Amino acid sequence: MYKMLAIDIDDTLINDEKEITAGTKQALEQALAQGVTVTLATGRMYASAKQLASQLGLNVPLITYQGSLVKNAIDGKILYERSVPAEAARYLFDYCERNELHLQTYFDDILYVKERNEKIEAYAALSKIPFTVYPNFKELADKPSTKLLMIDDPAKLDEIAIELRKEIGHLVHITKSKPHFLEIIHHEGTKGDALRYLAGQYGYDMSEVISIGDSWNDHELLEAAGFGVAMGNAVDSLKKIADYITYSNNEDGVKHVVEKFVLQTSL
């Protein structure tokens, strides 16, 4: 019997209208009623994830910032935290300044950028969170960043990722949450690291955990769980390592997983 369910948010829990469907909510409510621990595992900041957790009535710790921060949904207590190493952060701030690249940093659950532009405005609208413009941006390189994020053309970011892995790959984990989002976190700040920690806190064996995701940054999440599920709309590399492929985020893929493997009400 599965005792824990960890669900990615974007393009997994929410559909393309950025909504959790009534059917998905109902299935998760039934799982909660049966004593299953349901949590979110997202690249989003805690403030953004908490908004969605409240819609589902979740009162458990949430896995946020790819896994760099695990924090209680109710009292905000921090259970697990990893920051980008200072050496890597300083390198990235310099690199982005030299190459005129958009970089945003997260410190104390506040999103900072050097200037207001279309990229940050679109990101803030997607995540439904505010941002702070900090003109002396480079000063923040010495703060303990929970996550650093670059926004640019997908192909350009793929090239940048290769270069960054050569230079600072020994210090950080580099992944994509969306084709145009390149995210840099602590080596132990992945969704998989956080999920193993959280399951251990509840006393669950990883064989009792289901994880669901769609993107590159969900690889570690699916690998950590006893049963890893890729959405029908997931990237091909995630589908290859998944134990099961469900319907897409626009076809209630999460609802199907909950009903089939947790509630066991559908075939």
Protein backbone atom coordinates (compact mmCIF):
# COMPACT_ATOMS: atom_id res chain seq x y z
CA MET A 1 0.00 0.00 0.00
CA TYR A 2 1.28 3.46 -0.88
CA LYS A 3 1.49 5.87 2.03
CA MET A 4 2.94 8.99 0.44
CA LEU A 5 2.34 10.92 -2.77
CA ALA A 6 4.71 13.66 -4.01
CA ILE A 7 3.39 15.71 -6.92
CA ASP A 8 5.08 18.29 -9.13
CA ILE A 9 2.99 21.42 -9.80
CA ASP A 10 3.54 22.94 -13.23
CA ASP A 11 2.34 20.82 -16.15
CA THR A 12 1.56 18.03 -13.66
CA LEU A 13 -0.87 18.99 -10.90
CA ILE A 14 -2.19 22.02 -12.79
CA ASN A 15 -3.46 22.00 -16.36
CA ASP A 16 -2.58 24.47 -19.09
CA GLU A 17 -5.19 26.84 -17.64
CA LYS A 18 -3.05 26.86 -14.47
CA GLU A 19 -5.86 25.22 -12.50
CA ILE A 20 -6.29 22.12 -10.35
CA THR A 21 -9.39 20.42 -11.72
CA ALA A 22 -12.33 19.49 -9.50
CA GLY A 23 -11.74 15.81 -10.28
CA THR A 24 -8.11 15.96 -9.20
CA LYS A 25 -9.04 17.80 -6.00
CA GLN A 26 -11.65 15.18 -5.16
CA ALA A 27 -9.27 12.27 -5.75
CA LEU A 28 -6.62 13.87 -3.54
CA GLU A 29 -9.19 14.60 -0.82
CA GLN A 30 -10.11 10.91 -0.83
CA ALA A 31 -6.44 9.93 -0.57
CA LEU A 32 -5.98 12.29 2.37
CA ALA A 33 -9.09 10.82 4.03
CA GLN A 34 -7.49 7.38 3.77
CA GLY A 35 -4.42 8.63 5.64
CA VAL A 36 -2.12 9.06 2.65
CA THR A 37 0.45 11.84 3.05
CA VAL A 38 0.18 14.15 0.04
CA THR A 39 2.85 16.77 -0.62
CA LEU A 40 3.98 19.01 -3.45
CA ALA A 41 7.46 18.77 -4.98
CA THR A 42 8.17 21.84 -7.05
CA GLY A 43 10.82 24.16 -8.36
CA ARG A 44 8.62 27.04 -7.26
CA MET A 45 9.40 29.09 -4.19
CA TYR A 46 7.62 28.22 -0.96
CA ALA A 47 5.28 31.24 -1.06
CA SER A 48 3.98 30.13 -4.45
CA ALA A 49 3.65 26.45 -3.53
CA LYS A 50 1.79 27.31 -0.34
CA GLN A 51 -0.99 28.99 -2.35
CA LEU A 52 -1.72 25.73 -4.15
CA ALA A 53 -1.31 23.64 -1.02
CA SER A 54 -4.02 25.71 0.65
CA GLN A 55 -6.40 24.93 -2.23
CA LEU A 56 -5.92 21.24 -1.48
CA GLY A 57 -6.05 21.58 2.30
CA LEU A 58 -2.51 20.25 2.69
CA ASN A 59 -0.96 20.75 6.13
CA VAL A 60 2.29 18.84 5.56
CA PRO A 61 5.83 19.99 4.70
CA LEU A 62 6.22 21.10 1.08
CA ILE A 63 9.22 20.37 -1.16
CA THR A 64 10.14 23.65 -2.84
CA TYR A 65 12.98 25.25 -4.82
CA GLN A 66 13.61 21.85 -6.49
CA GLY A 67 14.21 20.34 -3.05
CA SER A 68 16.49 23.00 -1.58
CA LEU A 69 13.83 23.91 0.97
CA VAL A 70 11.35 21.69 2.80
CA LYS A 71 9.01 23.79 4.90
CA ASN A 72 5.79 23.18 6.82
CA ALA A 73 2.68 24.44 5.08
CA ILE A 74 1.01 25.44 8.36
CA ASP A 75 3.61 27.03 10.65
CA GLY A 76 6.40 27.70 8.13
CA LYS A 77 8.97 25.70 10.08
CA ILE A 78 12.02 24.84 7.98
CA LEU A 79 12.87 21.13 8.06
CA TYR A 80 15.50 20.82 5.32
CA GLU A 81 17.51 23.54 3.60
CA ARG A 82 20.46 23.67 1.21
CA SER A 83 21.94 26.86 -0.27
CA VAL A 84 23.97 27.35 -3.45
CA PRO A 85 27.66 27.29 -2.45
CA ALA A 86 29.11 30.82 -2.32
CA GLU A 87 31.87 30.02 -4.81
CA ALA A 88 29.32 28.86 -7.40
CA ALA A 89 27.00 31.80 -6.73
CA ARG A 90 29.76 34.36 -7.25
CA TYR A 91 30.78 32.63 -10.48
CA LEU A 92 27.20 32.71 -11.78
CA PHE A 93 26.63 36.36 -10.92
CA ASP A 94 29.86 37.28 -12.77
CA TYR A 95 29.04 34.99 -15.70
CA CYS A 96 25.57 36.46 -16.19
CA GLU A 97 26.81 40.02 -15.88
CA ARG A 98 29.57 39.45 -18.44
CA ASN A 99 27.20 37.80 -20.90
CA GLU A 100 24.22 40.10 -20.22
CA LEU A 101 22.00 37.20 -19.17
CA HIS A 102 18.87 37.33 -17.03
CA LEU A 103 19.48 35.90 -13.57
CA GLN A 104 17.20 35.82 -10.57
CA THR A 105 18.06 34.75 -7.05
CA TYR A 106 16.01 33.64 -4.07
CA PHE A 107 16.96 34.54 -0.53
CA ASP A 108 14.69 34.25 2.53
CA ASP A 109 11.82 33.29 0.20
CA ILE A 110 12.09 36.60 -1.65
CA LEU A 111 12.71 36.73 -5.40
CA TYR A 112 15.33 39.31 -6.44
CA VAL A 113 16.23 40.61 -9.90
CA LYS A 114 18.54 43.37 -11.12
CA GLU A 115 15.86 45.09 -13.19
CA ARG A 116 12.24 44.83 -14.25
CA ASN A 117 11.83 43.25 -17.68
CA GLU A 118 9.48 41.02 -19.67
CA LYS A 119 11.12 37.84 -18.39
CA ILE A 120 10.57 38.53 -14.71
CA GLU A 121 7.08 39.93 -15.28
CA ALA A 122 6.02 36.75 -17.12
CA TYR A 123 7.64 34.56 -14.45
CA ALA A 124 5.94 36.43 -11.61
CA ALA A 125 2.58 36.17 -13.36
CA LEU A 126 3.03 32.40 -13.80
CA SER A 127 4.04 31.83 -10.18
CA LYS A 128 1.65 34.43 -8.74
CA ILE A 129 4.36 35.91 -6.54
CA PRO A 130 5.95 39.37 -6.28
CA PHE A 131 9.56 40.21 -7.06
CA THR A 132 12.03 42.75 -5.71
CA VAL A 133 14.25 44.86 -7.98
CA TYR A 134 17.71 45.18 -6.42
CA PRO A 135 19.93 47.48 -8.54
CA ASN A 136 23.13 46.53 -6.69
CA PHE A 137 22.35 42.97 -7.68
CA LYS A 138 25.90 41.62 -7.46
CA GLU A 139 25.90 42.23 -3.69
CA LEU A 140 23.45 39.34 -3.40
CA ALA A 141 26.07 36.87 -4.61
CA ASP A 142 27.28 36.62 -1.02
CA LYS A 143 23.83 35.84 0.38
CA PRO A 144 22.84 32.17 0.85
CA SER A 145 20.72 31.72 -2.29
CA THR A 146 18.18 28.91 -2.11
CA LYS A 147 18.18 28.81 -5.91
CA LEU A 148 19.48 30.71 -8.93
CA LEU A 149 17.45 30.77 -12.13
CA MET A 150 18.27 31.89 -15.67
CA ILE A 151 15.61 32.60 -18.30
CA ASP A 152 16.47 32.54 -21.99
CA ASP A 153 16.05 30.76 -25.30
CA PRO A 154 15.97 26.95 -24.74
CA ALA A 155 18.79 26.14 -27.16
CA LYS A 156 20.96 28.89 -25.71
CA LEU A 157 20.37 27.59 -22.19
CA ASP A 158 21.36 24.07 -23.30
CA GLU A 159 24.73 25.44 -24.44
CA ILE A 160 25.12 27.46 -21.25
CA ALA A 161 24.34 24.38 -19.14
CA ILE A 162 27.16 22.45 -20.79
CA GLU A 163 29.59 25.29 -20.08
CA LEU A 164 28.45 25.72 -16.49
CA ARG A 165 28.70 22.01 -15.75
CA LYS A 166 32.35 22.11 -16.82
CA GLU A 167 33.11 25.11 -14.60
CA ILE A 168 30.96 24.61 -11.48
CA GLY A 169 29.30 21.24 -11.97
CA HIS A 170 31.32 19.85 -9.06
CA LEU A 171 29.67 22.41 -6.77
CA VAL A 172 26.03 22.49 -7.87
CA HIS A 173 23.17 20.63 -9.53
CA ILE A 174 22.04 22.17 -12.83
CA THR A 175 18.65 21.31 -14.30
CA LYS A 176 15.72 22.63 -16.31
CA SER A 177 12.17 22.99 -15.00
CA LYS A 178 10.90 24.32 -18.32
CA PRO A 179 12.68 24.60 -21.69
CA HIS A 180 13.48 28.29 -21.02
CA PHE A 181 14.26 27.98 -17.28
CA LEU A 182 17.76 26.86 -16.23
CA GLU A 183 18.00 26.30 -12.47
CA ILE A 184 21.08 26.02 -10.27
CA ILE A 185 20.84 24.53 -6.78
CA HIS A 186 22.97 22.79 -4.15
CA HIS A 187 24.03 19.24 -4.99
CA GLU A 188 21.76 17.96 -2.21
CA GLY A 189 18.92 20.30 -3.13
CA THR A 190 17.13 18.09 -5.66
CA LYS A 191 13.56 16.87 -5.36
CA GLY A 192 14.92 13.36 -4.82
CA ASP A 193 17.08 14.43 -1.87
CA ALA A 194 14.14 16.23 -0.27
CA LEU A 195 11.73 13.36 -0.87
CA ARG A 196 14.04 10.83 0.78
CA TYR A 197 14.45 13.16 3.75
CA LEU A 198 10.72 13.78 4.10
CA ALA A 199 9.74 10.13 3.74
CA GLY A 200 12.28 9.30 6.44
CA GLN A 201 10.71 11.86 8.77
CA TYR A 202 7.38 10.04 8.43
CA GLY A 203 8.99 6.63 8.77
CA TYR A 204 8.00 5.55 5.27
CA ASP A 205 10.07 3.19 3.18
CA MET A 206 10.69 4.58 -0.31
CA SER A 207 8.77 1.60 -1.71
CA GLU A 208 5.67 3.16 -0.13
CA VAL A 209 6.09 6.44 -2.04
CA ILE A 210 4.66 7.52 -5.41
CA SER A 211 6.06 10.54 -7.24
CA ILE A 212 4.58 12.26 -10.30
CA GLY A 213 6.31 14.73 -12.62
CA ASP A 214 6.79 15.92 -16.17
CA SER A 215 10.13 17.66 -16.66
CA TRP A 216 13.91 17.33 -16.50
CA ASN A 217 14.00 18.49 -12.88
CA ASP A 218 11.75 15.56 -11.92
CA HIS A 219 14.32 12.87 -12.77
CA GLU A 220 15.62 12.66 -9.22
CA LEU A 221 12.05 12.71 -7.87
CA LEU A 222 11.03 9.67 -9.91
CA GLU A 223 14.28 7.85 -9.22
CA ALA A 224 13.91 8.31 -5.45
CA ALA A 225 10.32 7.09 -5.18
CA GLY A 226 9.39 3.44 -5.14
CA PHE A 227 6.92 4.14 -7.95
CA GLY A 228 7.77 6.97 -10.33
CA VAL A 229 5.10 8.27 -12.70
CA ALA A 230 5.63 10.47 -15.76
CA MET A 231 2.80 12.57 -17.16
CA GLY A 232 1.61 11.94 -20.70
CA ASN A 233 3.00 15.37 -21.56
CA ALA A 234 6.37 14.66 -19.90
CA VAL A 235 9.71 15.06 -21.65
CA ASP A 236 10.91 11.84 -23.30
CA SER A 237 13.89 11.42 -20.96
CA LEU A 238 11.53 11.27 -17.96
CA LYS A 239 9.20 8.80 -19.63
CA LYS A 240 12.17 6.49 -20.20
CA ILE A 241 12.89 6.15 -16.48
CA ALA A 242 9.27 6.12 -15.28
CA ASP A 243 7.57 3.04 -13.85
CA TYR A 244 4.29 4.22 -15.34
CA ILE A 245 3.09 6.87 -17.79
CA THR A 246 -0.26 8.45 -16.99
CA TYR A 247 -2.50 10.82 -18.96
CA SER A 248 -1.47 14.42 -19.61
CA ASN A 249 -2.02 17.34 -17.27
CA ASN A 250 -5.00 18.36 -19.41
CA GLU A 251 -6.54 14.88 -19.06
CA ASP A 252 -6.49 14.58 -15.26
CA GLY A 253 -3.33 12.49 -15.26
CA VAL A 254 -2.80 12.93 -11.51
CA LYS A 255 -6.40 11.94 -10.77
CA HIS A 256 -5.91 8.75 -12.79
CA VAL A 257 -2.80 7.79 -10.78
CA VAL A 258 -4.49 8.42 -7.45
CA GLU A 259 -7.57 6.41 -8.40
CA LYS A 260 -5.63 3.53 -9.93
CA PHE A 261 -2.77 3.08 -7.48
CA VAL A 262 -3.86 4.72 -4.21
CA LEU A 263 -7.64 4.48 -4.06
CA GLN A 264 -7.68 1.49 -6.44
CA THR A 265 -11.06 2.52 -7.83
CA SER A 266 -10.10 2.54 -11.51
CA LEU A 267 -8.43 0.02 -13.74
